[in-house]
Amino acid sequence: MVELADKQTSTTVNRVAPALNGRNRVSSHFDDLLTSPDQLSKQRLANELATELWSRLPISRVAEASGDRGIEHTIRIVTASTSQVQAWYRELRDFVSAIARAATELRGEELTDALRAELCADMERQMLEQIRFPLPDRSFVDFKFADLPPAEAWTQAHQRLERACLEFANHVFALFDTLQQKKLIGQIQETSSTCRFTHFRRVAVAKLAGTRTQQRVLDEPTDRVFRRHGVTVEKLQITDFEIQHRHSQHVHHVRNPTLNTPKSTMHPLPTKYSDLIDACPDWMSGSLRVLEGELFRDERIEWDLFTETRTAEKVIERVRRDPAVVFGPYILAGWGELSIVEEENRQRDEQDVAARKVSARKARQNHWLTFIVAGLAIAVIPFTGWATAVTTSFAIFLGLLAMVLAGNAAHLAAVARSNLSASPVLLHSTLIGATVFAVQGLMFSLLHWSLPALGIATLSIVIAAIAFNLKTATRELDGFGVG
């Protein structure tokens, strides 16, 4: 049990609160944890936590004169405050369950989602089955309290709720001490520029024991009116896994350690540990930090929970990113390089998928724009009789623009399919441009009886045919399509 600085509840919280209320909460003793050993005092943390809890009660936000407003008002404020205290005990229990979930690790054969969820739930239950969680006291708001004068009831409630905050702070640290003794959470040992911390994991190693088939017969619903009855026969493949449960202790030696808030970490947080931080109660989240540094020594000891056979693995000595979730002197969870790399790869894959979707949407837009510009380039030809030079130049410009848009659309479509080959882009652009110039040449030769225009149209038709054949062959070879 953590002994607080002062057991006189009516003065302790009031004395600590003014000193802390004027201090910037972001700059706390956790920011210089690795340089000031005296700051690791559980007694100071408990008093700070008690002060934080007291500030969250409705009674602390109401003036002292509220006791003169009548017993009904006092009962309403005090009842809300006692309900808040009881809610803290539930939140503490849920957070410890989240710590246990973060400490589970599955190895070996890949399991089905249902089996993974069932196994993790059993591991969490086994880790916490010997933990005695603190329970809140019964509410003191009863018929005797309601019979007190308003001023006396207010004073008595004020004192008892202060004591409840201090007792809950004691319970928090006593529970964390128990978790540490049961080897569910670790601790930190610090020096000036290096530190050593310990965290624990519950490991389940899955080994394939064999597979077998089984037949199952299911009775269909019986129709009593028409006396219909049937059965369904299912053939099941059952895979047996041998699960070996272990308890793992990790001792990490870290250089250049830093403590960061969860929102300002140097490296991304894996989903598993981000969920742990999100599960932290609001009244504790202000003191939660993530320890990050360079791992240069990793000592790991594992023992079989069933046979109690201890095994030691090789010590690893190399620099790696090695974060951990920290609450004061406690290490709630720790992870390493592989988890960070997996999270980085996952985020990179999500970004790639989003970029491909954007490219596919832009490709469709450019395809439609290509057809519109190509249609305009052809539609301009009938008007070349009025201003031949101007309209013909404009038609050629629109044809070239259609080629550029077609090439860009093909490029975006290739990016969306993760195919960065240049040949399909050139073929598609050439096909669109040759087709437009062929139609323009034929129409211009018919309107103006121009042999050069007919020659250009013939050459464009040949180029379009060649581009179409090459494009078809390329699509058949590698499955590329731009349309």
Protein backbone atom coordinates (compact mmCIF):
# COMPACT_ATOMS: atom_id res chain seq x y z
CA MET A 1 0.00 0.00 0.00
CA VAL A 2 1.27 3.42 -0.90
CA GLU A 3 1.24 5.66 2.15
CA LEU A 4 0.25 9.20 1.35
CA ALA A 5 1.94 12.30 2.70
CA ASP A 6 -0.99 13.21 4.91
CA LYS A 7 -3.91 11.10 6.03
CA GLN A 8 -5.96 14.18 7.00
CA THR A 9 -8.08 14.22 3.92
CA SER A 10 -9.63 17.62 4.42
CA THR A 11 -6.22 19.33 4.28
CA THR A 12 -4.12 17.11 2.04
CA VAL A 13 -6.04 17.62 -1.16
CA ASN A 14 -6.64 21.27 -0.51
CA ARG A 15 -2.94 21.80 0.17
CA VAL A 16 -1.71 20.00 -2.95
CA ALA A 17 -4.36 21.28 -5.33
CA PRO A 18 -3.41 25.01 -5.45
CA ALA A 19 0.24 24.18 -6.14
CA LEU A 20 -0.69 21.90 -9.03
CA ASN A 21 -3.48 23.99 -10.50
CA GLY A 22 -1.04 26.77 -11.31
CA ARG A 23 1.40 24.46 -13.03
CA ASN A 24 1.32 23.62 -16.73
CA ARG A 25 0.08 20.02 -16.84
CA VAL A 26 2.08 19.24 -19.99
CA SER A 27 5.40 19.91 -18.22
CA SER A 28 5.34 17.37 -15.38
CA HIS A 29 7.85 15.31 -13.46
CA PHE A 30 7.58 12.64 -16.12
CA ASP A 31 9.43 14.91 -18.56
CA ASP A 32 12.66 14.63 -16.54
CA LEU A 33 12.07 11.08 -15.31
CA LEU A 34 15.40 9.84 -16.60
CA THR A 35 17.48 12.53 -14.93
CA SER A 36 15.86 12.91 -11.50
CA PRO A 37 15.58 9.67 -9.50
CA ASP A 38 13.73 11.44 -6.69
CA GLN A 39 10.86 12.18 -9.04
CA LEU A 40 9.91 8.49 -9.10
CA SER A 41 8.25 8.77 -5.69
CA LYS A 42 4.97 6.86 -5.61
CA GLN A 43 3.94 9.05 -2.72
CA ARG A 44 4.12 12.17 -4.87
CA LEU A 45 2.35 10.45 -7.75
CA ALA A 46 -0.41 9.30 -5.41
CA ASN A 47 -0.96 12.81 -4.06
CA GLU A 48 -1.01 14.25 -7.58
CA LEU A 49 -3.47 11.59 -8.67
CA ALA A 50 -5.68 12.29 -5.65
CA THR A 51 -5.66 15.99 -6.49
CA GLU A 52 -6.56 15.26 -10.11
CA LEU A 53 -9.43 13.02 -8.99
CA TRP A 54 -10.72 15.61 -6.56
CA SER A 55 -10.78 18.28 -9.29
CA ARG A 56 -13.03 16.01 -11.37
CA LEU A 57 -15.75 15.65 -8.73
CA PRO A 58 -18.85 17.84 -9.06
CA ILE A 59 -18.55 18.85 -5.39
CA SER A 60 -15.09 20.36 -5.99
CA ARG A 61 -16.49 22.70 -8.63
CA VAL A 62 -19.19 24.10 -6.37
CA ALA A 63 -18.53 26.92 -3.92
CA GLU A 64 -18.47 26.30 -0.18
CA ALA A 65 -21.64 28.36 0.17
CA SER A 66 -23.53 25.64 -1.65
CA GLY A 67 -24.27 24.08 1.70
CA ASP A 68 -26.75 26.89 2.35
CA ARG A 69 -28.92 26.01 -0.64
CA GLY A 70 -30.81 23.22 1.04
CA ILE A 71 -30.41 19.52 1.71
CA GLU A 72 -31.93 18.56 -1.67
CA HIS A 73 -29.20 20.43 -3.54
CA THR A 74 -26.52 18.90 -1.30
CA ILE A 75 -27.83 15.36 -1.85
CA ARG A 76 -27.90 15.88 -5.61
CA ILE A 77 -24.29 17.14 -5.79
CA VAL A 78 -22.95 14.53 -3.36
CA THR A 79 -24.77 11.66 -5.08
CA ALA A 80 -23.26 12.67 -8.42
CA SER A 81 -19.81 12.79 -6.82
CA THR A 82 -20.11 9.35 -5.18
CA SER A 83 -21.31 7.90 -8.48
CA GLN A 84 -18.21 9.34 -10.12
CA VAL A 85 -15.97 7.64 -7.53
CA GLN A 86 -17.67 4.30 -8.17
CA ALA A 87 -17.21 4.76 -11.93
CA TRP A 88 -13.45 5.19 -11.40
CA TYR A 89 -13.23 1.70 -9.91
CA ARG A 90 -14.93 0.25 -13.00
CA GLU A 91 -12.62 2.20 -15.31
CA LEU A 92 -9.57 0.95 -13.38
CA ARG A 93 -10.69 -2.66 -13.78
CA ASP A 94 -11.31 -2.19 -17.52
CA PHE A 95 -7.88 -0.60 -17.95
CA VAL A 96 -6.13 -3.50 -16.23
CA SER A 97 -7.95 -5.84 -18.62
CA ALA A 98 -6.63 -3.74 -21.52
CA ILE A 99 -3.09 -4.08 -20.10
CA ALA A 100 -3.52 -7.85 -20.03
CA ARG A 101 -4.75 -7.89 -23.64
CA ALA A 102 -1.70 -5.89 -24.75
CA ALA A 103 0.60 -8.37 -22.99
CA THR A 104 -0.58 -11.38 -25.00
CA GLU A 105 1.49 -12.79 -27.85
CA LEU A 106 0.74 -15.64 -30.29
CA ARG A 107 3.53 -17.56 -32.01
CA GLY A 108 3.86 -20.52 -34.30
CA GLU A 109 1.15 -21.68 -36.67
CA GLU A 110 -1.39 -19.16 -37.91
CA LEU A 111 -4.74 -19.64 -36.19
CA THR A 112 -8.23 -18.84 -37.36
CA ASP A 113 -9.74 -15.55 -36.21
CA ALA A 114 -12.23 -17.31 -33.97
CA LEU A 115 -9.54 -19.46 -32.34
CA ARG A 116 -7.25 -16.44 -31.89
CA ALA A 117 -10.00 -14.46 -30.18
CA GLU A 118 -10.91 -17.41 -27.94
CA LEU A 119 -7.29 -18.10 -27.03
CA CYS A 120 -6.52 -14.43 -26.24
CA ALA A 121 -9.64 -14.17 -24.07
CA ASP A 122 -8.60 -17.27 -22.10
CA MET A 123 -5.06 -15.93 -21.65
CA GLU A 124 -6.40 -12.60 -20.38
CA ARG A 125 -8.69 -14.39 -17.93
CA GLN A 126 -5.85 -16.61 -16.66
CA MET A 127 -3.57 -13.61 -16.10
CA LEU A 128 -6.17 -11.75 -14.04
CA GLU A 129 -7.88 -14.61 -12.18
CA GLN A 130 -5.58 -14.19 -9.14
CA ILE A 131 -5.83 -10.41 -9.03
CA ARG A 132 -8.02 -8.93 -6.31
CA PHE A 133 -9.50 -5.70 -7.63
CA PRO A 134 -10.40 -2.98 -5.13
CA LEU A 135 -14.07 -2.26 -4.55
CA PRO A 136 -15.61 1.12 -3.68
CA ASP A 137 -17.23 1.73 -0.34
CA ARG A 138 -21.01 1.91 -0.11
CA SER A 139 -22.46 5.35 -0.59
CA PHE A 140 -22.81 7.29 2.63
CA VAL A 141 -25.83 9.19 1.28
CA ASP A 142 -28.61 7.55 3.31
CA PHE A 143 -31.50 8.54 5.56
CA LYS A 144 -29.13 9.66 8.31
CA PHE A 145 -27.25 11.91 5.90
CA ALA A 146 -30.50 13.39 4.60
CA ASP A 147 -31.52 14.24 8.16
CA LEU A 148 -28.43 16.42 8.75
CA PRO A 149 -28.55 20.24 8.54
CA PRO A 150 -27.43 21.39 5.06
CA ALA A 151 -24.21 23.04 6.26
CA GLU A 152 -23.17 20.04 8.34
CA ALA A 153 -24.08 17.62 5.53
CA TRP A 154 -21.98 19.62 3.10
CA THR A 155 -18.94 19.65 5.39
CA GLN A 156 -19.22 15.95 6.11
CA ALA A 157 -19.61 15.08 2.39
CA HIS A 158 -16.64 17.29 1.54
CA GLN A 159 -14.40 15.44 4.01
CA ARG A 160 -15.58 11.95 3.09
CA LEU A 161 -15.18 12.53 -0.64
CA GLU A 162 -11.65 13.88 -0.12
CA ARG A 163 -10.86 10.72 1.79
CA ALA A 164 -12.42 8.65 -1.01
CA CYS A 165 -10.11 10.29 -3.55
CA LEU A 166 -7.07 9.53 -1.42
CA GLU A 167 -8.17 5.95 -0.83
CA PHE A 168 -8.76 5.40 -4.53
CA ALA A 169 -5.29 6.78 -5.33
CA ASN A 170 -3.90 4.32 -2.77
CA HIS A 171 -5.87 1.51 -4.39
CA VAL A 172 -4.49 2.38 -7.83
CA PHE A 173 -0.87 2.11 -6.75
CA ALA A 174 -1.53 -0.94 -4.56
CA LEU A 175 -3.12 -2.67 -7.55
CA PHE A 176 -0.19 -1.77 -9.81
CA ASP A 177 2.19 -3.10 -7.15
CA THR A 178 0.23 -6.36 -7.16
CA LEU A 179 0.38 -6.56 -10.95
CA GLN A 180 4.13 -6.03 -10.72
CA GLN A 181 4.51 -8.76 -8.11
CA LYS A 182 2.46 -11.14 -10.27
CA LYS A 183 4.79 -10.36 -13.21
CA LEU A 184 2.08 -8.81 -15.34
CA ILE A 185 3.66 -5.37 -15.63
CA GLY A 186 7.30 -4.36 -15.34
CA GLN A 187 9.32 -1.52 -13.92
CA ILE A 188 11.92 1.01 -15.01
CA GLN A 189 15.43 1.54 -13.67
CA GLU A 190 17.05 4.72 -14.91
CA THR A 191 20.44 6.46 -15.13
CA SER A 192 21.58 9.62 -16.89
CA SER A 193 21.70 8.64 -20.58
CA THR A 194 20.68 4.96 -20.49
CA CYS A 195 17.98 3.01 -18.77
CA ARG A 196 16.84 -0.53 -18.19
CA PHE A 197 13.23 -1.57 -18.06
CA THR A 198 11.36 -4.84 -17.78
CA HIS A 199 8.06 -5.91 -19.23
CA PHE A 200 6.23 -9.24 -19.36
CA ARG A 201 4.21 -11.10 -21.95
CA ARG A 202 1.94 -14.10 -21.86
CA VAL A 203 2.93 -16.23 -24.87
CA ALA A 204 0.99 -18.99 -26.58
CA VAL A 205 2.97 -21.10 -29.06
CA ALA A 206 0.75 -22.88 -31.56
CA LYS A 207 2.02 -26.09 -33.15
CA LEU A 208 0.17 -28.07 -35.79
CA ALA A 209 -0.71 -31.44 -34.25
CA GLY A 210 -2.58 -32.88 -37.22
CA THR A 211 -5.65 -32.62 -39.40
CA ARG A 212 -8.66 -34.87 -39.71
CA THR A 213 -12.02 -34.93 -41.38
CA GLN A 214 -15.33 -35.38 -39.64
CA GLN A 215 -18.87 -35.75 -40.83
CA ARG A 216 -21.67 -33.84 -39.15
CA VAL A 217 -25.38 -34.36 -39.60
CA LEU A 218 -27.76 -31.46 -39.03
CA ASP A 219 -31.49 -31.99 -38.66
CA GLU A 220 -33.60 -29.62 -40.73
CA PRO A 221 -36.74 -28.03 -39.19
CA THR A 222 -39.71 -30.39 -39.25
CA ASP A 223 -42.93 -29.30 -40.97
CA ARG A 224 -45.67 -30.86 -38.88
CA VAL A 225 -48.41 -29.98 -41.34
CA PHE A 226 -46.92 -31.82 -44.34
CA ARG A 227 -44.79 -34.22 -42.21
CA ARG A 228 -41.59 -33.18 -43.99
CA HIS A 229 -38.26 -33.95 -42.39
CA GLY A 230 -34.70 -33.88 -43.75
CA VAL A 231 -31.07 -33.88 -42.75
CA THR A 232 -27.99 -32.00 -43.96
CA VAL A 233 -24.65 -33.80 -43.96
CA GLU A 234 -21.51 -31.66 -43.61
CA LYS A 235 -17.95 -32.86 -44.08
CA LEU A 236 -15.61 -30.88 -41.83
CA GLN A 237 -11.83 -30.61 -41.90
CA ILE A 238 -10.63 -30.23 -38.31
CA THR A 239 -7.13 -28.95 -37.63
CA ASP A 240 -5.65 -29.70 -34.21
CA PHE A 241 -3.15 -27.25 -32.70
CA GLU A 242 -0.92 -27.94 -29.73
CA ILE A 243 -0.85 -24.76 -27.62
CA GLN A 244 2.06 -24.27 -25.28
CA HIS A 245 1.61 -21.46 -22.75
CA ARG A 246 4.65 -19.56 -21.56
CA HIS A 247 5.42 -16.50 -19.50
CA SER A 248 8.09 -14.25 -20.99
CA GLN A 249 10.23 -11.66 -19.25
CA HIS A 250 11.99 -9.02 -21.36
CA VAL A 251 14.79 -6.89 -19.92
CA HIS A 252 15.71 -4.09 -22.32
CA HIS A 253 18.79 -1.88 -22.09
CA VAL A 254 18.19 1.37 -23.97
CA ARG A 255 20.39 4.31 -24.97
CA ASN A 256 19.17 7.89 -25.35
CA PRO A 257 15.73 7.25 -23.81
CA THR A 258 13.03 9.88 -24.20
CA LEU A 259 9.53 10.15 -22.76
CA ASN A 260 6.88 11.42 -25.17
CA THR A 261 3.16 11.89 -24.96
CA PRO A 262 1.20 9.30 -26.96
CA LYS A 263 0.30 11.95 -29.57
CA SER A 264 3.90 13.10 -30.12
CA THR A 265 5.84 9.84 -30.45
CA MET A 266 8.79 9.65 -32.84
CA HIS A 267 7.52 6.43 -34.39
CA PRO A 268 4.00 5.20 -35.19
CA LEU A 269 2.18 3.22 -32.53
CA PRO A 270 1.01 -0.28 -33.56
CA THR A 271 -2.74 -0.73 -33.34
CA LYS A 272 -2.48 -3.15 -30.41
CA TYR A 273 -0.70 -0.61 -28.20
CA SER A 274 -2.65 2.36 -29.51
CA ASP A 275 -5.79 0.56 -28.27
CA LEU A 276 -4.14 0.21 -24.85
CA ILE A 277 -3.48 3.95 -24.68
CA ASP A 278 -7.05 4.71 -25.82
CA ALA A 279 -8.35 2.48 -23.02
CA CYS A 280 -6.52 4.53 -20.39
CA PRO A 281 -8.98 6.45 -18.15
CA ASP A 282 -9.04 10.22 -18.53
CA TRP A 283 -7.91 10.78 -14.95
CA MET A 284 -4.72 8.80 -15.65
CA SER A 285 -4.03 9.74 -19.28
CA GLY A 286 -2.30 13.00 -18.38
CA SER A 287 0.53 11.03 -16.74
CA LEU A 288 0.83 8.39 -19.46
CA ARG A 289 4.01 8.53 -21.55
CA VAL A 290 5.72 6.44 -24.24
CA LEU A 291 9.35 5.56 -23.64
CA GLU A 292 11.41 5.52 -26.84
CA GLY A 293 15.11 4.84 -27.30
CA GLU A 294 17.80 2.73 -28.96
CA LEU A 295 17.86 -0.89 -27.83
CA PHE A 296 21.39 -2.30 -27.50
CA ARG A 297 20.78 -5.30 -25.22
CA ASP A 298 17.76 -7.56 -24.94
CA GLU A 299 17.65 -10.24 -22.25
CA ARG A 300 14.73 -12.63 -22.54
CA ILE A 301 13.73 -15.43 -20.21
CA GLU A 302 10.73 -17.66 -20.84
CA TRP A 303 9.27 -20.42 -18.72
CA ASP A 304 6.61 -22.99 -19.40
CA LEU A 305 3.58 -22.33 -17.26
CA PHE A 306 2.54 -25.96 -17.23
CA THR A 307 5.87 -27.73 -16.66
CA GLU A 308 7.68 -24.84 -15.02
CA THR A 309 10.69 -25.52 -17.27
CA ARG A 310 12.69 -22.34 -17.66
CA THR A 311 14.54 -21.57 -20.86
CA ALA A 312 16.81 -18.70 -21.73
CA GLU A 313 17.27 -17.31 -25.20
CA LYS A 314 20.31 -15.67 -26.74
CA VAL A 315 20.99 -12.07 -25.76
CA ILE A 316 20.57 -9.70 -28.73
CA GLU A 317 22.92 -6.77 -29.05
CA ARG A 318 22.01 -4.39 -31.83
CA VAL A 319 20.42 -0.95 -32.17
CA ARG A 320 16.69 -1.03 -32.64
CA ARG A 321 13.71 1.19 -32.01
CA ASP A 322 12.24 0.03 -28.75
CA PRO A 323 9.23 1.93 -27.35
CA ALA A 324 7.23 1.19 -24.23
CA VAL A 325 4.12 2.59 -22.52
CA VAL A 326 5.06 4.12 -19.17
CA PHE A 327 3.07 5.15 -16.12
CA GLY A 328 5.43 6.53 -13.50
CA PRO A 329 7.85 3.75 -12.50
CA TYR A 330 5.69 1.11 -14.21
CA ILE A 331 6.13 -0.28 -17.73
CA LEU A 332 2.64 -1.14 -18.91
CA ALA A 333 3.68 -2.63 -22.26
CA GLY A 334 6.71 -2.78 -24.53
CA TRP A 335 7.33 -3.62 -28.17
CA GLY A 336 10.18 -3.56 -30.64
CA GLU A 337 11.44 -3.11 -34.17
CA LEU A 338 9.26 -5.73 -35.82
CA SER A 339 6.03 -4.24 -34.49
CA ILE A 340 7.06 -0.77 -35.68
CA VAL A 341 8.01 -2.06 -39.14
CA GLU A 342 4.70 -3.89 -39.44
CA GLU A 343 2.82 -0.71 -38.51
CA GLU A 344 4.82 1.34 -41.01
CA ASN A 345 4.14 -1.21 -43.75
CA ARG A 346 0.45 -1.24 -42.92
CA GLN A 347 0.20 2.55 -43.10
CA ARG A 348 2.20 2.56 -46.36
CA ASP A 349 -0.15 -0.03 -47.88
CA GLU A 350 -3.16 2.07 -46.92
CA GLN A 351 -1.60 5.13 -48.56
CA ASP A 352 -0.83 3.14 -51.74
CA VAL A 353 -4.42 1.90 -51.96
CA ALA A 354 -5.76 5.43 -51.51
CA ALA A 355 -3.37 6.78 -54.18
CA ARG A 356 -4.43 4.09 -56.66
CA LYS A 357 -8.10 4.93 -56.10
CA VAL A 358 -7.38 8.61 -56.80
CA SER A 359 -5.43 7.71 -59.95
CA ALA A 360 -8.26 5.48 -61.20
CA ARG A 361 -10.79 8.27 -60.67
CA LYS A 362 -8.63 10.82 -62.48
CA ALA A 363 -8.01 8.32 -65.30
CA ARG A 364 -11.76 7.98 -65.88
CA GLN A 365 -12.15 11.75 -65.92
CA ASN A 366 -9.31 12.17 -68.43
CA HIS A 367 -10.75 9.43 -70.64
CA TRP A 368 -14.05 11.32 -70.89
CA LEU A 369 -12.22 14.60 -71.46
CA THR A 370 -10.16 12.94 -74.21
CA PHE A 371 -13.29 11.83 -76.07
CA ILE A 372 -14.84 15.31 -75.75
CA VAL A 373 -11.73 17.07 -77.08
CA ALA A 374 -11.38 14.51 -79.90
CA GLY A 375 -15.01 15.06 -80.87
CA LEU A 376 -14.47 18.84 -80.92
CA ALA A 377 -11.35 18.40 -83.08
CA ILE A 378 -13.40 16.49 -85.66
CA ALA A 379 -16.41 18.80 -85.38
CA VAL A 380 -14.27 21.84 -86.29
CA ILE A 381 -13.41 20.45 -89.77
CA PRO A 382 -16.79 21.27 -91.43
CA PHE A 383 -16.20 24.96 -90.58
CA THR A 384 -12.82 25.20 -92.32
CA GLY A 385 -14.50 26.64 -95.44
CA TRP A 386 -15.06 30.00 -93.70
CA ALA A 387 -11.59 30.56 -92.29
CA THR A 388 -9.47 27.73 -93.53
CA ALA A 389 -6.14 28.61 -91.87
CA VAL A 390 -7.56 29.50 -88.46
CA THR A 391 -10.02 26.62 -88.13
CA THR A 392 -7.57 24.05 -89.53
CA SER A 393 -4.88 25.14 -87.05
CA PHE A 394 -7.42 24.99 -84.24
CA ALA A 395 -8.52 21.49 -85.29
CA ILE A 396 -4.89 20.29 -85.32
CA PHE A 397 -4.32 21.83 -81.89
CA LEU A 398 -7.39 20.01 -80.49
CA GLY A 399 -6.12 16.74 -81.99
CA LEU A 400 -2.75 17.16 -80.31
CA LEU A 401 -4.48 18.04 -77.01
CA ALA A 402 -6.57 14.86 -77.31
CA MET A 403 -3.31 12.87 -77.68
CA VAL A 404 -1.85 14.45 -74.53
CA LEU A 405 -5.02 13.81 -72.50
CA ALA A 406 -5.17 10.21 -73.76
CA GLY A 407 -1.55 9.61 -72.73
CA ASN A 408 -2.18 11.10 -69.28
CA ALA A 409 -5.31 8.97 -68.83
CA ALA A 410 -3.41 5.82 -69.79
CA HIS A 411 -0.60 6.75 -67.37
CA LEU A 412 -3.06 7.24 -64.48
CA ALA A 413 -4.78 3.95 -65.30
CA ALA A 414 -1.39 2.20 -65.27
CA VAL A 415 -0.56 3.73 -61.89
CA ALA A 416 -3.92 2.54 -60.52
CA ARG A 417 -3.01 -1.00 -61.65
CA SER A 418 0.59 -0.71 -60.36
CA ASN A 419 1.92 -1.08 -63.91
CA LEU A 420 4.46 1.63 -64.70
CA SER A 421 5.36 0.45 -68.24
CA ALA A 422 5.62 3.28 -70.79
CA SER A 423 4.69 1.31 -73.92
CA PRO A 424 0.92 1.03 -73.19
CA VAL A 425 0.79 4.79 -72.56
CA LEU A 426 2.49 5.60 -75.89
CA LEU A 427 0.33 3.12 -77.80
CA HIS A 428 -2.92 4.50 -76.38
CA SER A 429 -1.88 8.11 -77.06
CA THR A 430 -0.80 7.23 -80.62
CA LEU A 431 -4.04 5.34 -81.29
CA ILE A 432 -6.23 8.27 -80.21
CA GLY A 433 -4.16 10.85 -82.08
CA ALA A 434 -3.92 8.80 -85.30
CA THR A 435 -7.66 8.10 -85.22
CA VAL A 436 -8.52 11.80 -84.82
CA PHE A 437 -6.14 12.90 -87.60
CA ALA A 438 -7.42 10.15 -89.90
CA VAL A 439 -11.04 11.29 -89.53
CA GLN A 440 -10.00 14.94 -89.86
CA GLY A 441 -8.00 14.19 -93.05
CA LEU A 442 -10.86 12.30 -94.67
CA MET A 443 -13.40 15.03 -93.90
CA PHE A 444 -11.02 17.81 -95.05
CA SER A 445 -10.24 15.98 -98.34
CA LEU A 446 -13.96 15.54 -99.07
CA LEU A 447 -14.79 19.17 -98.30
CA HIS A 448 -11.85 20.74 -100.19
CA TRP A 449 -10.87 17.94 -102.66
CA SER A 450 -7.39 17.96 -101.16
CA LEU A 451 -5.03 15.12 -102.14
CA PRO A 452 -2.45 15.98 -99.37
CA ALA A 453 -5.21 15.71 -96.77
CA LEU A 454 -6.18 12.32 -98.21
CA GLY A 455 -2.55 11.19 -97.98
CA ILE A 456 -2.35 12.32 -94.35
CA ALA A 457 -5.58 10.46 -93.61
CA THR A 458 -4.26 7.25 -95.22
CA LEU A 459 -1.00 7.44 -93.26
CA SER A 460 -2.92 8.09 -90.04
CA ILE A 461 -5.14 5.05 -90.69
CA VAL A 462 -2.06 2.83 -91.08
CA ILE A 463 -0.51 4.20 -87.87
CA ALA A 464 -3.80 3.74 -85.98
CA ALA A 465 -4.09 0.15 -87.21
CA ILE A 466 -0.54 -0.65 -86.12
CA ALA A 467 -1.08 0.96 -82.71
CA PHE A 468 -4.35 -0.94 -82.22
CA ASN A 469 -2.74 -4.30 -83.05
CA LEU A 470 0.21 -3.65 -80.72
CA LYS A 471 -2.11 -2.51 -77.96
CA THR A 472 -4.24 -5.65 -78.30
CA ALA A 473 -1.16 -7.86 -78.20
CA THR A 474 0.17 -6.04 -75.13
CA ARG A 475 -3.17 -6.41 -73.31
CA GLU A 476 -3.23 -10.14 -74.01
CA LEU A 477 0.33 -10.55 -72.69
CA ASP A 478 0.16 -8.63 -69.42
CA GLY A 479 -3.53 -7.96 -68.90
CA PHE A 480 -3.16 -4.18 -69.33
CA GLY A 481 -6.27 -2.21 -70.27
CA VAL A 482 -6.91 1.50 -70.35
CA GLY A 483 -10.52 1.61 -71.38
